Amino acid sequence: MDIDYRVAIVLAPIAIAASWAVFNIGAAALRQVQNFLNKEA
């Protein structure tokens, strides 16, 4: 069973971009939630 590496080559940049976006948005969302919880207290 041969693995077709073309699929991985095509999907790798998309996966990297998606993970980078989730990382950046996640960090901002976490700060926003922390700020909200700190203001409530």
C-alpha atoms as a PDB file:
ATOM      1  CA  MET A   1       0.000   0.000   0.000  1.00  0.00           C
ATOM      2  CA  ASP A   2       1.708   3.123  -1.253  1.00  0.00           C
ATOM      3  CA  ILE A   3       0.972   6.470   0.349  1.00  0.00           C
ATOM      4  CA  ASP A   4       0.306   9.309  -2.079  1.00  0.00           C
ATOM      5  CA  TYR A   5       2.417  12.148  -0.759  1.00  0.00           C
ATOM      6  CA  ARG A   6       0.839  14.675  -3.133  1.00  0.00           C
ATOM      7  CA  VAL A   7      -2.195  14.856  -0.872  1.00  0.00           C
ATOM      8  CA  ALA A   8       0.023  15.611   2.137  1.00  0.00           C
ATOM      9  CA  ILE A   9       1.951  18.237   0.161  1.00  0.00           C
ATOM     10  CA  VAL A  10      -1.283  19.975  -0.828  1.00  0.00           C
ATOM     11  CA  LEU A  11      -2.893  19.762   2.619  1.00  0.00           C
ATOM     12  CA  ALA A  12       0.194  20.642   4.702  1.00  0.00           C
ATOM     13  CA  PRO A  13       0.142  24.425   4.041  1.00  0.00           C
ATOM     14  CA  ILE A  14      -3.614  24.521   4.667  1.00  0.00           C
ATOM     15  CA  ALA A  15      -3.196  22.648   7.952  1.00  0.00           C
ATOM     16  CA  ILE A  16      -0.320  24.928   8.997  1.00  0.00           C
ATOM     17  CA  ALA A  17      -2.346  28.049   8.200  1.00  0.00           C
ATOM     18  CA  ALA A  18      -5.393  26.728  10.039  1.00  0.00           C
ATOM     19  CA  SER A  19      -3.396  25.793  13.126  1.00  0.00           C
ATOM     20  CA  TRP A  20      -1.672  29.206  13.124  1.00  0.00           C
ATOM     21  CA  ALA A  21      -5.062  30.955  12.906  1.00  0.00           C
ATOM     22  CA  VAL A  22      -6.502  28.824  15.730  1.00  0.00           C
ATOM     23  CA  PHE A  23      -3.399  29.528  17.824  1.00  0.00           C
ATOM     24  CA  ASN A  24      -3.671  33.304  17.333  1.00  0.00           C
ATOM     25  CA  ILE A  25      -7.440  33.518  17.706  1.00  0.00           C
ATOM     26  CA  GLY A  26      -7.346  31.151  20.683  1.00  0.00           C
ATOM     27  CA  ALA A  27      -4.815  33.319  22.502  1.00  0.00           C
ATOM     28  CA  ALA A  28      -6.897  36.458  21.920  1.00  0.00           C
ATOM     29  CA  ALA A  29     -10.094  34.672  22.962  1.00  0.00           C
ATOM     30  CA  LEU A  30      -8.425  33.390  26.124  1.00  0.00           C
ATOM     31  CA  ARG A  31      -7.327  36.929  27.055  1.00  0.00           C
ATOM     32  CA  GLN A  32     -10.824  38.223  26.407  1.00  0.00           C
ATOM     33  CA  VAL A  33     -12.382  35.541  28.627  1.00  0.00           C
ATOM     34  CA  GLN A  34      -9.857  36.250  31.376  1.00  0.00           C
ATOM     35  CA  ASN A  35     -10.576  39.980  31.178  1.00  0.00           C
ATOM     36  CA  PHE A  36     -14.313  39.309  31.374  1.00  0.00           C
ATOM     37  CA  LEU A  37     -13.917  37.035  34.387  1.00  0.00           C
ATOM     38  CA  ASN A  38     -11.640  39.556  36.143  1.00  0.00           C
ATOM     39  CA  LYS A  39     -14.146  42.391  35.617  1.00  0.00           C
ATOM     40  CA  GLU A  40     -16.971  40.274  37.035  1.00  0.00           C
ATOM     41  CA  ALA A  41     -15.103  39.516  40.245  1.00  0.00           C
END
